[in-house]
Amino acid sequence: MESKDTRGVFFMVNIIDFPKTPSCERRAGADKDTHSLLHLFKELGFKLFSYTNITQEDFWKLLTELLNSEYTKHTECFVMA
């Protein structure tokens, strides 16, 4: 990866809360993981797209929009987490 302007795109979806579980579980450490990954990819020069607790429908809509956007047309790398 040689370019500064089109280094890469980082698309992250973090599901932290699981309201349909009996105990309404929350993933411990998820906020810290999010911060760490965003920091890492920002330092690498990636454009960041981060979403939390979105629906499956929203996930597919956002991913499709991003893949068809100017951000990904000439990028050297695409990472999804």
Protein backbone atom coordinates (compact mmCIF):
# COMPACT_ATOMS: atom_id res chain seq x y z
CA MET A 1 0.00 0.00 0.00
CA GLU A 2 1.78 3.06 -1.27
CA SER A 3 -0.83 5.80 -1.56
CA LYS A 4 -1.81 8.12 1.26
CA ASP A 5 -5.11 9.19 -0.33
CA THR A 6 -6.43 5.77 -1.32
CA ARG A 7 -4.69 3.57 1.24
CA GLY A 8 -7.78 1.70 2.32
CA VAL A 9 -11.28 1.57 3.73
CA PHE A 10 -12.10 0.02 7.10
CA PHE A 11 -15.75 -1.02 7.57
CA MET A 12 -16.58 -2.18 11.08
CA VAL A 13 -19.87 -3.34 12.56
CA ASN A 14 -19.89 -4.02 16.27
CA ILE A 15 -22.87 -5.74 17.83
CA ILE A 16 -22.51 -5.03 21.54
CA ASP A 17 -26.02 -5.38 22.95
CA PHE A 18 -28.10 -8.50 22.51
CA PRO A 19 -31.56 -7.41 23.70
CA LYS A 20 -33.34 -10.61 22.62
CA THR A 21 -31.34 -12.75 25.03
CA PRO A 22 -32.91 -13.53 28.42
CA SER A 23 -30.36 -11.45 30.32
CA CYS A 24 -30.05 -8.64 27.73
CA GLU A 25 -26.35 -9.43 27.51
CA ARG A 26 -23.75 -6.83 26.62
CA ARG A 27 -20.43 -7.96 25.21
CA ALA A 28 -17.78 -7.07 27.76
CA GLY A 29 -14.78 -5.31 26.26
CA ALA A 30 -16.49 -4.50 22.96
CA ASP A 31 -16.06 -0.74 23.40
CA LYS A 32 -12.34 -1.17 24.03
CA ASP A 33 -12.01 -3.44 20.97
CA THR A 34 -13.77 -0.84 18.85
CA HIS A 35 -11.48 1.93 20.02
CA SER A 36 -8.36 -0.19 19.45
CA LEU A 37 -9.30 -1.22 15.92
CA LEU A 38 -10.33 2.29 14.90
CA HIS A 39 -7.09 3.69 16.28
CA LEU A 40 -5.01 1.10 14.43
CA PHE A 41 -6.64 1.62 11.06
CA LYS A 42 -6.62 5.39 11.43
CA GLU A 43 -2.86 5.22 12.04
CA LEU A 44 -2.53 3.11 8.88
CA GLY A 45 -4.27 5.88 6.93
CA PHE A 46 -7.57 4.15 6.26
CA LYS A 47 -10.94 5.86 5.84
CA LEU A 48 -13.07 4.65 8.76
CA PHE A 49 -16.70 3.56 8.73
CA SER A 50 -17.90 2.25 12.08
CA TYR A 51 -21.39 1.22 13.16
CA THR A 52 -22.75 -0.18 16.41
CA ASN A 53 -25.84 -2.32 17.05
CA ILE A 54 -27.28 -2.09 13.55
CA THR A 55 -29.80 -4.48 12.07
CA GLN A 56 -28.99 -7.05 9.41
CA GLU A 57 -30.99 -4.98 6.91
CA ASP A 58 -28.98 -1.85 7.74
CA PHE A 59 -25.75 -3.82 7.50
CA TRP A 60 -26.44 -4.91 3.92
CA LYS A 61 -27.64 -1.44 2.94
CA LEU A 62 -24.55 0.29 4.38
CA LEU A 63 -22.15 -2.27 2.92
CA THR A 64 -23.71 -1.99 -0.55
CA GLU A 65 -23.62 1.81 -0.42
CA LEU A 66 -19.99 1.80 0.67
CA LEU A 67 -18.89 -0.70 -1.98
CA ASN A 68 -20.53 1.48 -4.64
CA SER A 69 -19.13 4.75 -3.30
CA GLU A 70 -16.19 6.88 -4.37
CA TYR A 71 -14.35 5.74 -1.24
CA THR A 72 -13.87 2.22 -2.58
CA LYS A 73 -13.49 2.85 -6.32
CA HIS A 74 -9.73 3.29 -6.29
CA THR A 75 -8.76 2.10 -2.83
CA GLU A 76 -5.83 -0.24 -2.38
CA CYS A 77 -7.38 -2.26 0.44
CA PHE A 78 -10.78 -2.99 1.95
CA VAL A 79 -11.07 -4.44 5.47
CA MET A 80 -14.30 -5.49 7.13
CA ALA A 81 -14.62 -6.49 10.78
